[in-house]
Amino acid sequence: HNTPALKQTFVRKAQFGQEIYIVGSGIYTGDLREAMI
């Protein structure tokens, strides 16, 4: 698409030993519901 769209992103911190990671995922509004339908 060529039009701006709202994307909601959820992030969570994860730690493995001394290493820290930012894990996340996002979805454009309505995409998941449409896909599930």
PDB file of all heavy atoms in Angstrom:
ATOM      1  N   HIS A   1       0.840  -1.195   0.000  1.00  0.00           N
ATOM      2  CA  HIS A   1       0.000   0.000   0.000  1.00  0.00           C
ATOM      3  C   HIS A   1       0.880   1.252   0.000  1.00  0.00           C
ATOM      4  O   HIS A   1       2.017   1.231   0.451  1.00  0.00           O
ATOM      5  CB  HIS A   1      -0.918   0.014   1.223  1.00  0.00           C
ATOM      6  CG  HIS A   1      -1.864  -1.149   1.268  1.00  0.00           C
ATOM      7  ND1 HIS A   1      -3.148  -1.100   0.778  1.00  0.00           N
ATOM      8  CD2 HIS A   1      -1.696  -2.408   1.739  1.00  0.00           C
ATOM      9  CE1 HIS A   1      -3.729  -2.276   0.956  1.00  0.00           C
ATOM     10  NE2 HIS A   1      -2.869  -3.088   1.534  1.00  0.00           N
ATOM     11  N   ASN A   2       0.326   2.331  -0.496  1.00  0.00           N
ATOM     12  CA  ASN A   2       1.073   3.578  -0.560  1.00  0.00           C
ATOM     13  C   ASN A   2       0.586   4.622   0.437  1.00  0.00           C
ATOM     14  O   ASN A   2       0.987   5.785   0.377  1.00  0.00           O
ATOM     15  CB  ASN A   2       0.993   4.178  -1.975  1.00  0.00           C
ATOM     16  CG  ASN A   2       1.679   3.301  -3.006  1.00  0.00           C
ATOM     17  OD1 ASN A   2       2.726   2.741  -2.728  1.00  0.00           O
ATOM     18  ND2 ASN A   2       1.086   3.183  -4.180  1.00  0.00           N
ATOM     19  N   THR A   3      -0.286   4.217   1.336  1.00  0.00           N
ATOM     20  CA  THR A   3      -0.820   5.147   2.327  1.00  0.00           C
ATOM     21  C   THR A   3      -0.305   4.781   3.716  1.00  0.00           C
ATOM     22  O   THR A   3      -0.142   3.594   4.035  1.00  0.00           O
ATOM     23  CB  THR A   3      -2.357   5.116   2.337  1.00  0.00           C
ATOM     24  OG1 THR A   3      -2.806   3.770   2.558  1.00  0.00           O
ATOM     25  CG2 THR A   3      -2.902   5.601   0.997  1.00  0.00           C
ATOM     26  N   PRO A   4      -0.039   5.756   4.564  1.00  0.00           N
ATOM     27  CA  PRO A   4       0.435   5.485   5.926  1.00  0.00           C
ATOM     28  C   PRO A   4      -0.598   4.661   6.697  1.00  0.00           C
ATOM     29  O   PRO A   4      -1.806   4.846   6.537  1.00  0.00           O
ATOM     30  CB  PRO A   4       0.600   6.886   6.522  1.00  0.00           C
ATOM     31  CG  PRO A   4       0.785   7.778   5.338  1.00  0.00           C
ATOM     32  CD  PRO A   4      -0.107   7.202   4.267  1.00  0.00           C
ATOM     33  N   ALA A   5      -0.106   3.774   7.530  1.00  0.00           N
ATOM     34  CA  ALA A   5      -0.999   2.928   8.322  1.00  0.00           C
ATOM     35  C   ALA A   5      -0.443   2.786   9.734  1.00  0.00           C
ATOM     36  O   ALA A   5       0.779   2.768   9.942  1.00  0.00           O
ATOM     37  CB  ALA A   5      -1.158   1.561   7.667  1.00  0.00           C
ATOM     38  N   LEU A   6      -1.356   2.684  10.689  1.00  0.00           N
ATOM     39  CA  LEU A   6      -0.961   2.510  12.084  1.00  0.00           C
ATOM     40  C   LEU A   6      -0.514   1.069  12.321  1.00  0.00           C
ATOM     41  O   LEU A   6      -1.218   0.135  11.967  1.00  0.00           O
ATOM     42  CB  LEU A   6      -2.134   2.845  13.007  1.00  0.00           C
ATOM     43  CG  LEU A   6      -1.890   2.599  14.508  1.00  0.00           C
ATOM     44  CD1 LEU A   6      -0.809   3.551  15.024  1.00  0.00           C
ATOM     45  CD2 LEU A   6      -3.188   2.771  15.297  1.00  0.00           C
ATOM     46  N   LYS A   7       0.668   0.936  12.903  1.00  0.00           N
ATOM     47  CA  LYS A   7       1.158  -0.385  13.271  1.00  0.00           C
ATOM     48  C   LYS A   7       1.417  -0.404  14.766  1.00  0.00           C
ATOM     49  O   LYS A   7       2.144   0.451  15.297  1.00  0.00           O
ATOM     50  CB  LYS A   7       2.443  -0.731  12.525  1.00  0.00           C
ATOM     51  CG  LYS A   7       2.917  -2.160  12.786  1.00  0.00           C
ATOM     52  CD  LYS A   7       4.114  -2.532  11.932  1.00  0.00           C
ATOM     53  CE  LYS A   7       4.479  -3.991  12.108  1.00  0.00           C
ATOM     54  NZ  LYS A   7       5.643  -4.387  11.261  1.00  0.00           N
ATOM     55  N   GLN A   8       0.816  -1.349  15.453  1.00  0.00           N
ATOM     56  CA  GLN A   8       1.000  -1.493  16.891  1.00  0.00           C
ATOM     57  C   GLN A   8       2.052  -2.565  17.141  1.00  0.00           C
ATOM     58  O   GLN A   8       1.956  -3.684  16.628  1.00  0.00           O
ATOM     59  CB  GLN A   8      -0.316  -1.856  17.568  1.00  0.00           C
ATOM     60  CG  GLN A   8      -1.375  -0.769  17.422  1.00  0.00           C
ATOM     61  CD  GLN A   8      -2.600  -1.054  18.259  1.00  0.00           C
ATOM     62  OE1 GLN A   8      -3.123  -2.152  18.245  1.00  0.00           O
ATOM     63  NE2 GLN A   8      -3.051  -0.049  18.991  1.00  0.00           N
ATOM     64  N   THR A   9       3.047  -2.218  17.928  1.00  0.00           N
ATOM     65  CA  THR A   9       4.174  -3.110  18.174  1.00  0.00           C
ATOM     66  C   THR A   9       4.299  -3.407  19.659  1.00  0.00           C
ATOM     67  O   THR A   9       4.190  -2.501  20.503  1.00  0.00           O
ATOM     68  CB  THR A   9       5.484  -2.478  17.669  1.00  0.00           C
ATOM     69  OG1 THR A   9       5.367  -2.221  16.264  1.00  0.00           O
ATOM     70  CG2 THR A   9       6.661  -3.411  17.907  1.00  0.00           C
ATOM     71  N   PHE A  10       4.519  -4.674  19.973  1.00  0.00           N
ATOM     72  CA  PHE A  10       4.716  -5.095  21.359  1.00  0.00           C
ATOM     73  C   PHE A  10       6.142  -5.592  21.505  1.00  0.00           C
ATOM     74  O   PHE A  10       6.608  -6.411  20.708  1.00  0.00           O
ATOM     75  CB  PHE A  10       3.739  -6.206  21.731  1.00  0.00           C
ATOM     76  CG  PHE A  10       3.866  -6.688  23.151  1.00  0.00           C
ATOM     77  CD1 PHE A  10       3.464  -5.877  24.206  1.00  0.00           C
ATOM     78  CD2 PHE A  10       4.387  -7.943  23.435  1.00  0.00           C
ATOM     79  CE1 PHE A  10       3.585  -6.312  25.528  1.00  0.00           C
ATOM     80  CE2 PHE A  10       4.499  -8.391  24.748  1.00  0.00           C
ATOM     81  CZ  PHE A  10       4.095  -7.568  25.795  1.00  0.00           C
ATOM     82  N   VAL A  11       6.860  -5.071  22.503  1.00  0.00           N
ATOM     83  CA  VAL A  11       8.248  -5.462  22.731  1.00  0.00           C
ATOM     84  C   VAL A  11       8.421  -5.982  24.155  1.00  0.00           C
ATOM     85  O   VAL A  11       7.714  -5.570  25.079  1.00  0.00           O
ATOM     86  CB  VAL A  11       9.215  -4.281  22.489  1.00  0.00           C
ATOM     87  CG1 VAL A  11       9.256  -3.917  21.019  1.00  0.00           C
ATOM     88  CG2 VAL A  11       8.808  -3.058  23.319  1.00  0.00           C
ATOM     89  N   ARG A  12       9.362  -6.923  24.301  1.00  0.00           N
ATOM     90  CA  ARG A  12       9.650  -7.495  25.621  1.00  0.00           C
ATOM     91  C   ARG A  12      11.162  -7.714  25.742  1.00  0.00           C
ATOM     92  O   ARG A  12      11.809  -8.134  24.787  1.00  0.00           O
ATOM     93  CB  ARG A  12       8.904  -8.815  25.802  1.00  0.00           C
ATOM     94  CG  ARG A  12       9.168  -9.496  27.149  1.00  0.00           C
ATOM     95  CD  ARG A  12       8.410 -10.812  27.257  1.00  0.00           C
ATOM     96  NE  ARG A  12       6.976 -10.603  27.300  1.00  0.00           N
ATOM     97  CZ  ARG A  12       6.282 -10.289  28.403  1.00  0.00           C
ATOM     98  NH1 ARG A  12       6.928 -10.153  29.560  1.00  0.00           N
ATOM     99  NH2 ARG A  12       4.984 -10.130  28.365  1.00  0.00           N
ATOM    100  N   LYS A  13      11.674  -7.452  26.928  1.00  0.00           N
ATOM    101  CA  LYS A  13      13.100  -7.676  27.180  1.00  0.00           C
ATOM    102  C   LYS A  13      13.336  -9.134  27.539  1.00  0.00           C
ATOM    103  O   LYS A  13      12.579  -9.728  28.313  1.00  0.00           O
ATOM    104  CB  LYS A  13      13.585  -6.770  28.323  1.00  0.00           C
ATOM    105  CG  LYS A  13      15.077  -6.916  28.616  1.00  0.00           C
ATOM    106  CD  LYS A  13      15.539  -5.923  29.675  1.00  0.00           C
ATOM    107  CE  LYS A  13      15.014  -6.273  31.043  1.00  0.00           C
ATOM    108  NZ  LYS A  13      15.600  -5.413  32.109  1.00  0.00           N
ATOM    109  N   ALA A  14      14.388  -9.715  26.981  1.00  0.00           N
ATOM    110  CA  ALA A  14      14.762 -11.090  27.290  1.00  0.00           C
ATOM    111  C   ALA A  14      16.249 -11.112  27.609  1.00  0.00           C
ATOM    112  O   ALA A  14      17.040 -10.437  26.938  1.00  0.00           O
ATOM    113  CB  ALA A  14      14.456 -12.009  26.112  1.00  0.00           C
ATOM    114  N   GLN A  15      16.626 -11.874  28.620  1.00  0.00           N
ATOM    115  CA  GLN A  15      18.032 -11.928  29.010  1.00  0.00           C
ATOM    116  C   GLN A  15      18.527 -13.358  29.041  1.00  0.00           C
ATOM    117  O   GLN A  15      17.901 -14.251  29.622  1.00  0.00           O
ATOM    118  CB  GLN A  15      18.235 -11.271  30.380  1.00  0.00           C
ATOM    119  CG  GLN A  15      19.697 -11.190  30.796  1.00  0.00           C
ATOM    120  CD  GLN A  15      19.920 -10.233  31.949  1.00  0.00           C
ATOM    121  OE1 GLN A  15      19.001  -9.525  32.363  1.00  0.00           O
ATOM    122  NE2 GLN A  15      21.138 -10.190  32.479  1.00  0.00           N
ATOM    123  N   PHE A  16      19.676 -13.576  28.392  1.00  0.00           N
ATOM    124  CA  PHE A  16      20.325 -14.879  28.367  1.00  0.00           C
ATOM    125  C   PHE A  16      21.742 -14.674  28.891  1.00  0.00           C
ATOM    126  O   PHE A  16      22.604 -14.127  28.207  1.00  0.00           O
ATOM    127  CB  PHE A  16      20.360 -15.431  26.938  1.00  0.00           C
ATOM    128  CG  PHE A  16      21.109 -16.720  26.794  1.00  0.00           C
ATOM    129  CD1 PHE A  16      20.579 -17.917  27.269  1.00  0.00           C
ATOM    130  CD2 PHE A  16      22.372 -16.743  26.194  1.00  0.00           C
ATOM    131  CE1 PHE A  16      21.278 -19.116  27.139  1.00  0.00           C
ATOM    132  CE2 PHE A  16      23.067 -17.927  26.057  1.00  0.00           C
ATOM    133  CZ  PHE A  16      22.526 -19.119  26.536  1.00  0.00           C
ATOM    134  N   GLY A  17      21.973 -15.093  30.137  1.00  0.00           N
ATOM    135  CA  GLY A  17      23.269 -14.812  30.752  1.00  0.00           C
ATOM    136  C   GLY A  17      23.434 -13.310  30.908  1.00  0.00           C
ATOM    137  O   GLY A  17      22.595 -12.624  31.488  1.00  0.00           O
ATOM    138  N   GLN A  18      24.515 -12.786  30.350  1.00  0.00           N
ATOM    139  CA  GLN A  18      24.766 -11.354  30.403  1.00  0.00           C
ATOM    140  C   GLN A  18      24.233 -10.618  29.175  1.00  0.00           C
ATOM    141  O   GLN A  18      24.325  -9.397  29.100  1.00  0.00           O
ATOM    142  CB  GLN A  18      26.285 -11.105  30.523  1.00  0.00           C
ATOM    143  CG  GLN A  18      26.903 -11.689  31.790  1.00  0.00           C
ATOM    144  CD  GLN A  18      26.273 -11.121  33.053  1.00  0.00           C
ATOM    145  OE1 GLN A  18      26.103  -9.902  33.178  1.00  0.00           O
ATOM    146  NE2 GLN A  18      25.927 -11.988  34.007  1.00  0.00           N
ATOM    147  N   GLU A  19      23.707 -11.384  28.240  1.00  0.00           N
ATOM    148  CA  GLU A  19      23.226 -10.779  26.993  1.00  0.00           C
ATOM    149  C   GLU A  19      21.757 -10.383  27.115  1.00  0.00           C
ATOM    150  O   GLU A  19      20.934 -11.152  27.612  1.00  0.00           O
ATOM    151  CB  GLU A  19      23.402 -11.754  25.825  1.00  0.00           C
ATOM    152  CG  GLU A  19      24.855 -12.146  25.575  1.00  0.00           C
ATOM    153  CD  GLU A  19      24.974 -13.208  24.508  1.00  0.00           C
ATOM    154  OE1 GLU A  19      23.930 -13.794  24.122  1.00  0.00           O
ATOM    155  OE2 GLU A  19      26.109 -13.476  24.069  1.00  0.00           O
ATOM    156  N   ILE A  20      21.441  -9.182  26.633  1.00  0.00           N
ATOM    157  CA  ILE A  20      20.067  -8.675  26.680  1.00  0.00           C
ATOM    158  C   ILE A  20      19.559  -8.491  25.253  1.00  0.00           C
ATOM    159  O   ILE A  20      20.277  -7.999  24.377  1.00  0.00           O
ATOM    160  CB  ILE A  20      19.992  -7.337  27.442  1.00  0.00           C
ATOM    161  CG1 ILE A  20      20.389  -7.559  28.909  1.00  0.00           C
ATOM    162  CG2 ILE A  20      18.584  -6.747  27.364  1.00  0.00           C
ATOM    163  CD1 ILE A  20      20.412  -6.282  29.734  1.00  0.00           C
ATOM    164  N   TYR A  21      18.319  -8.885  25.041  1.00  0.00           N
ATOM    165  CA  TYR A  21      17.706  -8.776  23.718  1.00  0.00           C
ATOM    166  C   TYR A  21      16.343  -8.097  23.845  1.00  0.00           C
ATOM    167  O   TYR A  21      15.650  -8.239  24.856  1.00  0.00           O
ATOM    168  CB  TYR A  21      17.519 -10.163  23.088  1.00  0.00           C
ATOM    169  CG  TYR A  21      18.794 -10.957  22.947  1.00  0.00           C
ATOM    170  CD1 TYR A  21      19.158 -11.897  23.917  1.00  0.00           C
ATOM    171  CD2 TYR A  21      19.625 -10.778  21.858  1.00  0.00           C
ATOM    172  CE1 TYR A  21      20.322 -12.629  23.794  1.00  0.00           C
ATOM    173  CE2 TYR A  21      20.796 -11.516  21.720  1.00  0.00           C
ATOM    174  CZ  TYR A  21      21.138 -12.437  22.700  1.00  0.00           C
ATOM    175  OH  TYR A  21      22.304 -13.174  22.568  1.00  0.00           O
ATOM    176  N   ILE A  22      15.972  -7.392  22.795  1.00  0.00           N
ATOM    177  CA  ILE A  22      14.632  -6.810  22.708  1.00  0.00           C
ATOM    178  C   ILE A  22      13.870  -7.632  21.676  1.00  0.00           C
ATOM    179  O   ILE A  22      14.218  -7.640  20.489  1.00  0.00           O
ATOM    180  CB  ILE A  22      14.668  -5.324  22.273  1.00  0.00           C
ATOM    181  CG1 ILE A  22      15.647  -4.536  23.146  1.00  0.00           C
ATOM    182  CG2 ILE A  22      13.265  -4.742  22.321  1.00  0.00           C
ATOM    183  CD1 ILE A  22      15.333  -4.579  24.627  1.00  0.00           C
ATOM    184  N   VAL A  23      12.842  -8.336  22.137  1.00  0.00           N
ATOM    185  CA  VAL A  23      12.049  -9.214  21.263  1.00  0.00           C
ATOM    186  C   VAL A  23      10.701  -8.544  21.021  1.00  0.00           C
ATOM    187  O   VAL A  23      10.066  -8.059  21.968  1.00  0.00           O
ATOM    188  CB  VAL A  23      11.839 -10.598  21.906  1.00  0.00           C
ATOM    189  CG1 VAL A  23      11.062 -11.520  20.970  1.00  0.00           C
ATOM    190  CG2 VAL A  23      13.190 -11.212  22.280  1.00  0.00           C
ATOM    191  N   GLY A  24      10.277  -8.500  19.785  1.00  0.00           N
ATOM    192  CA  GLY A  24       9.011  -7.817  19.509  1.00  0.00           C
ATOM    193  C   GLY A  24       8.297  -8.322  18.276  1.00  0.00           C
ATOM    194  O   GLY A  24       8.836  -9.121  17.498  1.00  0.00           O
ATOM    195  N   SER A  25       7.091  -7.849  18.120  1.00  0.00           N
ATOM    196  CA  SER A  25       6.286  -8.166  16.943  1.00  0.00           C
ATOM    197  C   SER A  25       5.205  -7.102  16.828  1.00  0.00           C
ATOM    198  O   SER A  25       4.794  -6.509  17.829  1.00  0.00           O
ATOM    199  CB  SER A  25       5.641  -9.546  17.063  1.00  0.00           C
ATOM    200  OG  SER A  25       4.909  -9.865  15.894  1.00  0.00           O
ATOM    201  N   GLY A  26       4.758  -6.861  15.618  1.00  0.00           N
ATOM    202  CA  GLY A  26       3.731  -5.836  15.437  1.00  0.00           C
ATOM    203  C   GLY A  26       2.711  -6.249  14.395  1.00  0.00           C
ATOM    204  O   GLY A  26       2.900  -7.233  13.666  1.00  0.00           O
ATOM    205  N   ILE A  27       1.630  -5.502  14.366  1.00  0.00           N
ATOM    206  CA  ILE A  27       0.575  -5.801  13.406  1.00  0.00           C
ATOM    207  C   ILE A  27      -0.126  -4.516  12.999  1.00  0.00           C
ATOM    208  O   ILE A  27      -0.330  -3.619  13.827  1.00  0.00           O
ATOM    209  CB  ILE A  27      -0.440  -6.800  14.002  1.00  0.00           C
ATOM    210  CG1 ILE A  27      -1.450  -7.219  12.940  1.00  0.00           C
ATOM    211  CG2 ILE A  27      -1.130  -6.220  15.220  1.00  0.00           C
ATOM    212  CD1 ILE A  27      -2.327  -8.352  13.370  1.00  0.00           C
ATOM    213  N   TYR A  28      -0.445  -4.431  11.736  1.00  0.00           N
ATOM    214  CA  TYR A  28      -1.219  -3.296  11.257  1.00  0.00           C
ATOM    215  C   TYR A  28      -2.657  -3.470  11.714  1.00  0.00           C
ATOM    216  O   TYR A  28      -3.200  -4.579  11.686  1.00  0.00           O
ATOM    217  CB  TYR A  28      -1.137  -3.185   9.739  1.00  0.00           C
ATOM    218  CG  TYR A  28       0.233  -2.747   9.257  1.00  0.00           C
ATOM    219  CD1 TYR A  28       1.174  -3.690   8.865  1.00  0.00           C
ATOM    220  CD2 TYR A  28       0.577  -1.404   9.226  1.00  0.00           C
ATOM    221  CE1 TYR A  28       2.440  -3.300   8.452  1.00  0.00           C
ATOM    222  CE2 TYR A  28       1.840  -1.000   8.811  1.00  0.00           C
ATOM    223  CZ  TYR A  28       2.770  -1.953   8.433  1.00  0.00           C
ATOM    224  OH  TYR A  28       4.019  -1.560   8.032  1.00  0.00           O
ATOM    225  N   THR A  29      -3.281  -2.413  12.117  1.00  0.00           N
ATOM    226  CA  THR A  29      -4.628  -2.462  12.672  1.00  0.00           C
ATOM    227  C   THR A  29      -5.587  -3.229  11.767  1.00  0.00           C
ATOM    228  O   THR A  29      -5.739  -2.906  10.591  1.00  0.00           O
ATOM    229  CB  THR A  29      -5.179  -1.048  12.890  1.00  0.00           C
ATOM    230  OG1 THR A  29      -4.270  -0.316  13.706  1.00  0.00           O
ATOM    231  CG2 THR A  29      -6.540  -1.096  13.554  1.00  0.00           C
ATOM    232  N   GLY A  30      -6.200  -4.267  12.332  1.00  0.00           N
ATOM    233  CA  GLY A  30      -7.205  -5.036  11.600  1.00  0.00           C
ATOM    234  C   GLY A  30      -6.656  -6.210  10.817  1.00  0.00           C
ATOM    235  O   GLY A  30      -7.414  -7.089  10.401  1.00  0.00           O
ATOM    236  N   ASP A  31      -5.340  -6.272  10.596  1.00  0.00           N
ATOM    237  CA  ASP A  31      -4.782  -7.342   9.771  1.00  0.00           C
ATOM    238  C   ASP A  31      -5.031  -8.724  10.338  1.00  0.00           C
ATOM    239  O   ASP A  31      -5.433  -9.643   9.638  1.00  0.00           O
ATOM    240  CB  ASP A  31      -3.268  -7.144   9.591  1.00  0.00           C
ATOM    241  CG  ASP A  31      -2.961  -6.256   8.404  1.00  0.00           C
ATOM    242  OD1 ASP A  31      -3.913  -5.683   7.844  1.00  0.00           O
ATOM    243  OD2 ASP A  31      -1.782  -6.139   8.040  1.00  0.00           O
ATOM    244  N   LEU A  32      -4.752  -8.890  11.620  1.00  0.00           N
ATOM    245  CA  LEU A  32      -4.867 -10.212  12.221  1.00  0.00           C
ATOM    246  C   LEU A  32      -6.305 -10.695  12.232  1.00  0.00           C
ATOM    247  O   LEU A  32      -6.586 -11.854  11.929  1.00  0.00           O
ATOM    248  CB  LEU A  32      -4.310 -10.195  13.649  1.00  0.00           C
ATOM    249  CG  LEU A  32      -4.299 -11.546  14.364  1.00  0.00           C
ATOM    250  CD1 LEU A  32      -3.481 -12.550  13.573  1.00  0.00           C
ATOM    251  CD2 LEU A  32      -3.747 -11.396  15.766  1.00  0.00           C
ATOM    252  N   ARG A  33      -7.239  -9.782  12.555  1.00  0.00           N
ATOM    253  CA  ARG A  33      -8.644 -10.173  12.574  1.00  0.00           C
ATOM    254  C   ARG A  33      -9.100 -10.610  11.183  1.00  0.00           C
ATOM    255  O   ARG A  33      -9.785 -11.614  11.036  1.00  0.00           O
ATOM    256  CB  ARG A  33      -9.505  -9.008  13.078  1.00  0.00           C
ATOM    257  CG  ARG A  33     -10.986  -9.377  13.202  1.00  0.00           C
ATOM    258  CD  ARG A  33     -11.806  -8.218  13.725  1.00  0.00           C
ATOM    259  NE  ARG A  33     -11.489  -7.941  15.115  1.00  0.00           N
ATOM    260  CZ  ARG A  33     -10.766  -6.909  15.525  1.00  0.00           C
ATOM    261  NH1 ARG A  33     -10.260  -6.068  14.635  1.00  0.00           N
ATOM    262  NH2 ARG A  33     -10.537  -6.707  16.798  1.00  0.00           N
ATOM    263  N   GLU A  34      -8.697  -9.854  10.179  1.00  0.00           N
ATOM    264  CA  GLU A  34      -9.065 -10.207   8.808  1.00  0.00           C
ATOM    265  C   GLU A  34      -8.454 -11.543   8.403  1.00  0.00           C
ATOM    266  O   GLU A  34      -9.108 -12.367   7.758  1.00  0.00           O
ATOM    267  CB  GLU A  34      -8.603  -9.108   7.851  1.00  0.00           C
ATOM    268  CG  GLU A  34      -9.341  -7.783   8.034  1.00  0.00           C
ATOM    269  CD  GLU A  34      -8.732  -6.674   7.199  1.00  0.00           C
ATOM    270  OE1 GLU A  34      -7.791  -6.980   6.421  1.00  0.00           O
ATOM    271  OE2 GLU A  34      -9.187  -5.525   7.306  1.00  0.00           O
ATOM    272  N   ALA A  35      -7.206 -11.759   8.792  1.00  0.00           N
ATOM    273  CA  ALA A  35      -6.550 -13.020   8.452  1.00  0.00           C
ATOM    274  C   ALA A  35      -7.233 -14.192   9.141  1.00  0.00           C
ATOM    275  O   ALA A  35      -7.428 -15.260   8.546  1.00  0.00           O
ATOM    276  CB  ALA A  35      -5.077 -12.969   8.853  1.00  0.00           C
ATOM    277  N   MET A  36      -7.610 -14.006  10.397  1.00  0.00           N
ATOM    278  CA  MET A  36      -8.278 -15.082  11.130  1.00  0.00           C
ATOM    279  C   MET A  36      -9.659 -15.365  10.555  1.00  0.00           C
ATOM    280  O   MET A  36     -10.083 -16.524  10.485  1.00  0.00           O
ATOM    281  CB  MET A  36      -8.379 -14.720  12.609  1.00  0.00           C
ATOM    282  CG  MET A  36      -7.051 -14.797  13.349  1.00  0.00           C
ATOM    283  SD  MET A  36      -7.225 -14.516  15.120  1.00  0.00           S
ATOM    284  CE  MET A  36      -5.577 -14.977  15.696  1.00  0.00           C
ATOM    285  N   ILE A  37     -10.363 -14.305  10.133  1.00  0.00           N
ATOM    286  CA  ILE A  37     -11.678 -14.496   9.524  1.00  0.00           C
ATOM    287  C   ILE A  37     -11.539 -15.307   8.235  1.00  0.00           C
ATOM    288  O   ILE A  37     -12.323 -16.220   7.973  1.00  0.00           O
ATOM    289  CB  ILE A  37     -12.356 -13.140   9.257  1.00  0.00           C
ATOM    290  CG1 ILE A  37     -12.757 -12.482  10.583  1.00  0.00           C
ATOM    291  CG2 ILE A  37     -13.582 -13.314   8.358  1.00  0.00           C
ATOM    292  CD1 ILE A  37     -13.322 -11.085  10.430  1.00  0.00           C
TER     293      ILE A  37
END
